[in-house]
Amino acid sequence: ISFHKNKKEKSDEDLLADYLKNQDMEILGELYSRYMNLVYGVCLKYFKEREKSKDAVIQIFEKLVIEIDKHEIRNFKNWLFVVTKNHCLMKLRKTKAGKIISIADENEMAALRDAALEVLSGIEQAKEY
């Protein structure tokens, strides 16, 4: 009879401590898989697109691998929720910034085109005199 707990029976805190000690990706994967549906749901709430949300779930896991040992995490679920929300907001902010820039570029191009047409029109009128 084995009295050792299975990985699936361990608490989030135990799994996190084990991961930080051993850097075993299976342990981090087990911990993350407990909340993958939560992460996906939050992403879907912000992006409103399934594929974009699925991509974000993968990106957030990749981010965890890099960031998890840089933070003192007391409650993994809450911490992951905040990381997920911030990830989504940053992606949306970048998307909005890109749209604003592209609109500004279009407006600038229209203004430059109008200015160029005025100059050409002035040149044509000067040639007529």
N, C-alpha and C. Protein backbone atom coordinates (compact mmCIF):
# COMPACT_ATOMS: atom_id res chain seq x y z
N ILE A 1 0.85 -1.18 0.00
CA ILE A 1 0.00 0.00 0.00
C ILE A 1 0.89 1.23 0.00
N SER A 2 0.59 2.14 -0.93
CA SER A 2 1.37 3.38 -1.06
C SER A 2 0.63 4.53 -0.39
N PHE A 3 1.34 5.25 0.45
CA PHE A 3 0.75 6.40 1.13
C PHE A 3 1.17 7.71 0.48
N HIS A 4 1.92 7.63 -0.59
CA HIS A 4 2.37 8.84 -1.28
C HIS A 4 1.23 9.40 -2.11
N LYS A 5 1.11 10.70 -2.04
CA LYS A 5 0.06 11.36 -2.82
C LYS A 5 0.44 11.35 -4.29
N ASN A 6 -0.52 11.17 -5.11
CA ASN A 6 -0.36 11.30 -6.54
C ASN A 6 -0.25 12.78 -6.87
N LYS A 7 0.39 13.14 -7.99
CA LYS A 7 0.50 14.55 -8.40
C LYS A 7 -0.88 15.20 -8.48
N LYS A 8 -1.87 14.46 -8.95
CA LYS A 8 -3.21 15.02 -9.13
C LYS A 8 -3.88 15.32 -7.79
N GLU A 9 -3.44 14.67 -6.74
CA GLU A 9 -4.03 14.89 -5.43
C GLU A 9 -3.35 16.03 -4.68
N LYS A 10 -2.24 16.50 -5.16
CA LYS A 10 -1.52 17.57 -4.46
C LYS A 10 -2.23 18.91 -4.62
N SER A 11 -2.05 19.75 -3.65
CA SER A 11 -2.62 21.09 -3.71
C SER A 11 -1.84 21.93 -4.72
N ASP A 12 -2.45 23.04 -5.11
CA ASP A 12 -1.76 23.97 -6.02
C ASP A 12 -0.43 24.40 -5.41
N GLU A 13 -0.45 24.69 -4.12
CA GLU A 13 0.75 25.17 -3.44
C GLU A 13 1.85 24.11 -3.47
N ASP A 14 1.47 22.84 -3.27
CA ASP A 14 2.46 21.75 -3.31
C ASP A 14 3.03 21.59 -4.71
N LEU A 15 2.16 21.62 -5.71
CA LEU A 15 2.63 21.49 -7.10
C LEU A 15 3.54 22.65 -7.46
N LEU A 16 3.17 23.85 -7.05
CA LEU A 16 3.99 25.02 -7.34
C LEU A 16 5.36 24.89 -6.69
N ALA A 17 5.37 24.48 -5.43
CA ALA A 17 6.65 24.29 -4.72
C ALA A 17 7.49 23.22 -5.40
N ASP A 18 6.85 22.12 -5.82
CA ASP A 18 7.58 21.05 -6.53
C ASP A 18 8.15 21.56 -7.84
N TYR A 19 7.36 22.33 -8.56
CA TYR A 19 7.85 22.87 -9.84
C TYR A 19 9.04 23.81 -9.62
N LEU A 20 8.91 24.70 -8.66
CA LEU A 20 9.99 25.65 -8.40
C LEU A 20 11.27 24.94 -7.97
N LYS A 21 11.11 23.83 -7.28
CA LYS A 21 12.26 23.06 -6.81
C LYS A 21 12.91 22.27 -7.95
N ASN A 22 12.08 21.63 -8.78
CA ASN A 22 12.58 20.68 -9.79
C ASN A 22 12.58 21.21 -11.23
N GLN A 23 11.83 22.29 -11.47
CA GLN A 23 11.66 22.83 -12.83
C GLN A 23 11.15 21.76 -13.81
N ASP A 24 10.30 20.89 -13.32
CA ASP A 24 9.72 19.80 -14.12
C ASP A 24 8.48 20.33 -14.84
N MET A 25 8.53 20.35 -16.16
CA MET A 25 7.43 20.90 -16.96
C MET A 25 6.14 20.10 -16.80
N GLU A 26 6.25 18.82 -16.49
CA GLU A 26 5.04 18.02 -16.26
C GLU A 26 4.26 18.55 -15.06
N ILE A 27 4.99 18.95 -14.04
CA ILE A 27 4.34 19.49 -12.84
C ILE A 27 3.64 20.81 -13.17
N LEU A 28 4.33 21.67 -13.90
CA LEU A 28 3.71 22.94 -14.28
C LEU A 28 2.52 22.69 -15.19
N GLY A 29 2.64 21.73 -16.08
CA GLY A 29 1.53 21.38 -16.97
C GLY A 29 0.31 20.89 -16.19
N GLU A 30 0.55 20.08 -15.16
CA GLU A 30 -0.55 19.60 -14.31
C GLU A 30 -1.23 20.76 -13.61
N LEU A 31 -0.43 21.66 -13.06
CA LEU A 31 -0.96 22.82 -12.35
C LEU A 31 -1.76 23.70 -13.31
N TYR A 32 -1.22 23.97 -14.49
CA TYR A 32 -1.88 24.83 -15.47
C TYR A 32 -3.16 24.18 -16.00
N SER A 33 -3.11 22.86 -16.21
CA SER A 33 -4.28 22.18 -16.79
C SER A 33 -5.50 22.27 -15.87
N ARG A 34 -5.28 22.43 -14.58
CA ARG A 34 -6.40 22.60 -13.64
C ARG A 34 -7.21 23.85 -13.97
N TYR A 35 -6.54 24.85 -14.54
CA TYR A 35 -7.19 26.14 -14.75
C TYR A 35 -7.22 26.56 -16.21
N MET A 36 -6.93 25.64 -17.11
CA MET A 36 -6.94 25.98 -18.53
C MET A 36 -8.31 26.47 -19.00
N ASN A 37 -9.38 25.86 -18.48
CA ASN A 37 -10.73 26.31 -18.86
C ASN A 37 -10.99 27.72 -18.36
N LEU A 38 -10.50 28.03 -17.18
CA LEU A 38 -10.63 29.39 -16.64
C LEU A 38 -9.89 30.38 -17.54
N VAL A 39 -8.67 30.04 -17.91
CA VAL A 39 -7.85 30.90 -18.77
C VAL A 39 -8.56 31.11 -20.11
N TYR A 40 -9.03 30.01 -20.69
CA TYR A 40 -9.73 30.10 -21.98
C TYR A 40 -10.98 30.97 -21.86
N GLY A 41 -11.74 30.78 -20.79
CA GLY A 41 -12.97 31.57 -20.59
C GLY A 41 -12.69 33.06 -20.47
N VAL A 42 -11.64 33.40 -19.73
CA VAL A 42 -11.28 34.82 -19.58
C VAL A 42 -10.85 35.38 -20.94
N CYS A 43 -10.04 34.62 -21.66
CA CYS A 43 -9.59 35.08 -22.98
C CYS A 43 -10.77 35.26 -23.93
N LEU A 44 -11.69 34.32 -23.90
CA LEU A 44 -12.87 34.40 -24.76
C LEU A 44 -13.71 35.62 -24.41
N LYS A 45 -13.79 35.94 -23.13
CA LYS A 45 -14.55 37.12 -22.70
C LYS A 45 -13.95 38.38 -23.32
N TYR A 46 -12.64 38.47 -23.34
CA TYR A 46 -11.98 39.67 -23.87
C TYR A 46 -11.90 39.68 -25.39
N PHE A 47 -11.50 38.56 -25.99
CA PHE A 47 -11.26 38.55 -27.44
C PHE A 47 -12.51 38.26 -28.26
N LYS A 48 -13.44 37.52 -27.70
CA LYS A 48 -14.69 37.15 -28.38
C LYS A 48 -14.45 36.35 -29.66
N GLU A 49 -13.28 35.71 -29.72
CA GLU A 49 -12.93 34.85 -30.85
C GLU A 49 -12.26 33.60 -30.31
N ARG A 50 -12.74 32.45 -30.74
CA ARG A 50 -12.22 31.18 -30.22
C ARG A 50 -10.75 30.97 -30.56
N GLU A 51 -10.38 31.18 -31.80
CA GLU A 51 -9.00 30.91 -32.21
C GLU A 51 -8.01 31.84 -31.50
N LYS A 52 -8.37 33.10 -31.41
CA LYS A 52 -7.52 34.07 -30.71
C LYS A 52 -7.38 33.68 -29.24
N SER A 53 -8.46 33.18 -28.66
CA SER A 53 -8.45 32.76 -27.26
C SER A 53 -7.60 31.51 -27.06
N LYS A 54 -7.70 30.57 -27.99
CA LYS A 54 -6.87 29.36 -27.91
C LYS A 54 -5.39 29.72 -28.01
N ASP A 55 -5.07 30.63 -28.91
CA ASP A 55 -3.68 31.07 -29.05
C ASP A 55 -3.19 31.72 -27.75
N ALA A 56 -4.06 32.50 -27.13
CA ALA A 56 -3.69 33.18 -25.89
C ALA A 56 -3.44 32.17 -24.77
N VAL A 57 -4.22 31.09 -24.72
CA VAL A 57 -4.00 30.05 -23.70
C VAL A 57 -2.59 29.49 -23.81
N ILE A 58 -2.13 29.26 -25.02
CA ILE A 58 -0.77 28.75 -25.25
C ILE A 58 0.26 29.81 -24.88
N GLN A 59 0.03 31.04 -25.30
CA GLN A 59 0.96 32.13 -25.00
C GLN A 59 1.09 32.36 -23.50
N ILE A 60 -0.01 32.23 -22.79
CA ILE A 60 0.02 32.44 -21.34
C ILE A 60 0.81 31.32 -20.66
N PHE A 61 0.66 30.09 -21.15
CA PHE A 61 1.47 28.99 -20.58
C PHE A 61 2.95 29.26 -20.82
N GLU A 62 3.29 29.69 -22.02
CA GLU A 62 4.69 30.01 -22.33
C GLU A 62 5.20 31.13 -21.41
N LYS A 63 4.34 32.09 -21.15
CA LYS A 63 4.69 33.19 -20.26
C LYS A 63 4.93 32.68 -18.83
N LEU A 64 4.11 31.71 -18.40
CA LEU A 64 4.27 31.15 -17.06
C LEU A 64 5.65 30.54 -16.88
N VAL A 65 6.09 29.82 -17.89
CA VAL A 65 7.40 29.15 -17.81
C VAL A 65 8.49 30.17 -17.51
N ILE A 66 8.38 31.34 -18.09
CA ILE A 66 9.39 32.39 -17.90
C ILE A 66 9.17 33.16 -16.61
N GLU A 67 7.91 33.46 -16.29
CA GLU A 67 7.59 34.39 -15.20
C GLU A 67 7.38 33.76 -13.82
N ILE A 68 7.03 32.50 -13.77
CA ILE A 68 6.53 31.92 -12.52
C ILE A 68 7.55 31.97 -11.39
N ASP A 69 8.81 31.81 -11.70
CA ASP A 69 9.79 31.81 -10.60
C ASP A 69 10.26 33.22 -10.24
N LYS A 70 9.73 34.23 -10.92
CA LYS A 70 10.08 35.62 -10.61
C LYS A 70 9.11 36.24 -9.60
N HIS A 71 8.06 35.51 -9.26
CA HIS A 71 7.01 36.06 -8.39
C HIS A 71 6.81 35.18 -7.16
N GLU A 72 6.41 35.81 -6.10
CA GLU A 72 6.01 35.06 -4.91
C GLU A 72 4.50 34.86 -5.02
N ILE A 73 4.10 33.64 -5.31
CA ILE A 73 2.69 33.34 -5.59
C ILE A 73 2.08 32.68 -4.37
N ARG A 74 1.07 33.33 -3.82
CA ARG A 74 0.40 32.78 -2.63
C ARG A 74 -0.83 31.97 -3.02
N ASN A 75 -1.51 32.40 -4.08
CA ASN A 75 -2.70 31.71 -4.56
C ASN A 75 -2.58 31.61 -6.08
N PHE A 76 -2.23 30.41 -6.55
CA PHE A 76 -1.95 30.23 -7.98
C PHE A 76 -3.14 30.60 -8.85
N LYS A 77 -4.33 30.18 -8.48
CA LYS A 77 -5.51 30.45 -9.30
C LYS A 77 -5.74 31.96 -9.46
N ASN A 78 -5.67 32.69 -8.36
CA ASN A 78 -5.87 34.15 -8.44
C ASN A 78 -4.75 34.81 -9.24
N TRP A 79 -3.52 34.37 -9.02
CA TRP A 79 -2.38 34.93 -9.74
C TRP A 79 -2.53 34.67 -11.24
N LEU A 80 -2.92 33.45 -11.59
CA LEU A 80 -3.10 33.09 -13.00
C LEU A 80 -4.22 33.91 -13.63
N PHE A 81 -5.28 34.14 -12.89
CA PHE A 81 -6.38 34.97 -13.39
C PHE A 81 -5.86 36.37 -13.73
N VAL A 82 -5.08 36.96 -12.83
CA VAL A 82 -4.55 38.31 -13.06
C VAL A 82 -3.59 38.31 -14.26
N VAL A 83 -2.74 37.30 -14.34
CA VAL A 83 -1.82 37.20 -15.49
C VAL A 83 -2.62 37.10 -16.78
N THR A 84 -3.65 36.30 -16.78
CA THR A 84 -4.49 36.11 -17.97
C THR A 84 -5.19 37.40 -18.36
N LYS A 85 -5.79 38.06 -17.39
CA LYS A 85 -6.49 39.32 -17.66
C LYS A 85 -5.52 40.36 -18.22
N ASN A 86 -4.35 40.48 -17.60
CA ASN A 86 -3.36 41.45 -18.07
C ASN A 86 -2.86 41.12 -19.48
N HIS A 87 -2.69 39.85 -19.75
CA HIS A 87 -2.26 39.42 -21.09
C HIS A 87 -3.29 39.86 -22.13
N CYS A 88 -4.55 39.59 -21.83
CA CYS A 88 -5.62 39.96 -22.77
C CYS A 88 -5.70 41.47 -22.96
N LEU A 89 -5.63 42.21 -21.88
CA LEU A 89 -5.71 43.67 -21.98
C LEU A 89 -4.54 44.24 -22.77
N MET A 90 -3.35 43.69 -22.57
CA MET A 90 -2.18 44.17 -23.33
C MET A 90 -2.33 43.86 -24.82
N LYS A 91 -2.84 42.68 -25.13
CA LYS A 91 -3.05 42.33 -26.54
C LYS A 91 -4.08 43.26 -27.17
N LEU A 92 -5.17 43.53 -26.45
CA LEU A 92 -6.19 44.44 -26.97
C LEU A 92 -5.65 45.85 -27.13
N ARG A 93 -4.84 46.27 -26.18
CA ARG A 93 -4.25 47.61 -26.26
C ARG A 93 -3.35 47.72 -27.49
N LYS A 94 -2.55 46.69 -27.73
CA LYS A 94 -1.68 46.71 -28.91
C LYS A 94 -2.49 46.73 -30.20
N THR A 95 -3.58 45.98 -30.21
CA THR A 95 -4.45 45.96 -31.39
C THR A 95 -5.07 47.33 -31.62
N LYS A 96 -5.57 47.95 -30.55
CA LYS A 96 -6.16 49.29 -30.67
C LYS A 96 -5.12 50.29 -31.13
N ALA A 97 -3.92 50.22 -30.56
CA ALA A 97 -2.86 51.15 -30.94
C ALA A 97 -2.53 50.98 -32.42
N GLY A 98 -2.49 49.75 -32.88
CA GLY A 98 -2.22 49.48 -34.29
C GLY A 98 -3.29 50.07 -35.19
N LYS A 99 -4.54 49.97 -34.77
CA LYS A 99 -5.64 50.53 -35.57
C LYS A 99 -5.57 52.05 -35.58
N ILE A 100 -5.26 52.65 -34.47
CA ILE A 100 -5.16 54.10 -34.39
C ILE A 100 -4.03 54.59 -35.28
N ILE A 101 -2.92 53.89 -35.23
CA ILE A 101 -1.78 54.28 -36.05
C ILE A 101 -2.13 54.14 -37.53
N SER A 102 -2.78 53.04 -37.90
CA SER A 102 -3.10 52.87 -39.31
C SER A 102 -4.10 53.92 -39.78
N ILE A 103 -5.05 54.30 -38.92
CA ILE A 103 -5.99 55.36 -39.29
C ILE A 103 -5.24 56.69 -39.43
N ALA A 104 -4.34 56.96 -38.49
CA ALA A 104 -3.55 58.19 -38.56
C ALA A 104 -2.72 58.19 -39.84
N ASP A 105 -2.15 57.06 -40.19
CA ASP A 105 -1.35 56.97 -41.42
C ASP A 105 -2.22 57.24 -42.64
N GLU A 106 -3.43 56.69 -42.66
CA GLU A 106 -4.34 56.94 -43.78
C GLU A 106 -4.69 58.43 -43.86
N ASN A 107 -4.95 59.05 -42.72
CA ASN A 107 -5.28 60.47 -42.70
C ASN A 107 -4.09 61.30 -43.16
N GLU A 108 -2.90 60.94 -42.71
CA GLU A 108 -1.71 61.66 -43.14
C GLU A 108 -1.50 61.51 -44.64
N MET A 109 -1.72 60.30 -45.14
CA MET A 109 -1.55 60.06 -46.58
C MET A 109 -2.56 60.89 -47.37
N ALA A 110 -3.79 60.96 -46.89
CA ALA A 110 -4.83 61.76 -47.57
C ALA A 110 -4.44 63.23 -47.57
N ALA A 111 -3.92 63.71 -46.44
CA ALA A 111 -3.50 65.11 -46.34
C ALA A 111 -2.33 65.38 -47.28
N LEU A 112 -1.37 64.45 -47.32
CA LEU A 112 -0.24 64.62 -48.23
C LEU A 112 -0.69 64.60 -49.69
N ARG A 113 -1.61 63.70 -49.99
CA ARG A 113 -2.13 63.62 -51.36
C ARG A 113 -2.83 64.92 -51.74
N ASP A 114 -3.65 65.46 -50.83
CA ASP A 114 -4.35 66.72 -51.09
C ASP A 114 -3.36 67.87 -51.28
N ALA A 115 -2.32 67.90 -50.43
CA ALA A 115 -1.31 68.95 -50.55
C ALA A 115 -0.57 68.83 -51.88
N ALA A 116 -0.24 67.60 -52.27
CA ALA A 116 0.45 67.39 -53.54
C ALA A 116 -0.43 67.82 -54.71
N LEU A 117 -1.72 67.52 -54.64
CA LEU A 117 -2.64 67.93 -55.71
C LEU A 117 -2.75 69.45 -55.80
N GLU A 118 -2.73 70.12 -54.65
CA GLU A 118 -2.77 71.59 -54.64
C GLU A 118 -1.52 72.16 -55.29
N VAL A 119 -0.37 71.57 -54.96
CA VAL A 119 0.90 72.04 -55.54
C VAL A 119 0.87 71.83 -57.05
N LEU A 120 0.45 70.64 -57.48
CA LEU A 120 0.38 70.36 -58.91
C LEU A 120 -0.61 71.29 -59.61
N SER A 121 -1.73 71.56 -58.98
CA SER A 121 -2.71 72.46 -59.53
C SER A 121 -2.11 73.86 -59.67
N GLY A 122 -1.36 74.30 -58.65
CA GLY A 122 -0.70 75.61 -58.71
C GLY A 122 0.32 75.66 -59.83
N ILE A 123 1.05 74.57 -60.04
CA ILE A 123 2.05 74.52 -61.11
C ILE A 123 1.35 74.60 -62.45
N GLU A 124 0.26 73.88 -62.62
CA GLU A 124 -0.49 73.89 -63.87
C GLU A 124 -1.03 75.29 -64.16
N GLN A 125 -1.52 75.98 -63.13
CA GLN A 125 -2.05 77.33 -63.32
C GLN A 125 -0.92 78.29 -63.66
N ALA A 126 0.25 78.12 -63.08
CA ALA A 126 1.39 78.99 -63.37
C ALA A 126 1.82 78.81 -64.80
N LYS A 127 1.76 77.59 -65.33
CA LYS A 127 2.15 77.33 -66.70
C LYS A 127 1.21 78.02 -67.68
N GLU A 128 -0.05 78.19 -67.29
CA GLU A 128 -1.03 78.79 -68.17
C GLU A 128 -0.77 80.29 -68.34
N TYR A 129 -0.14 80.96 -67.40
CA TYR A 129 0.09 82.39 -67.49
C TYR A 129 1.28 82.64 -68.29
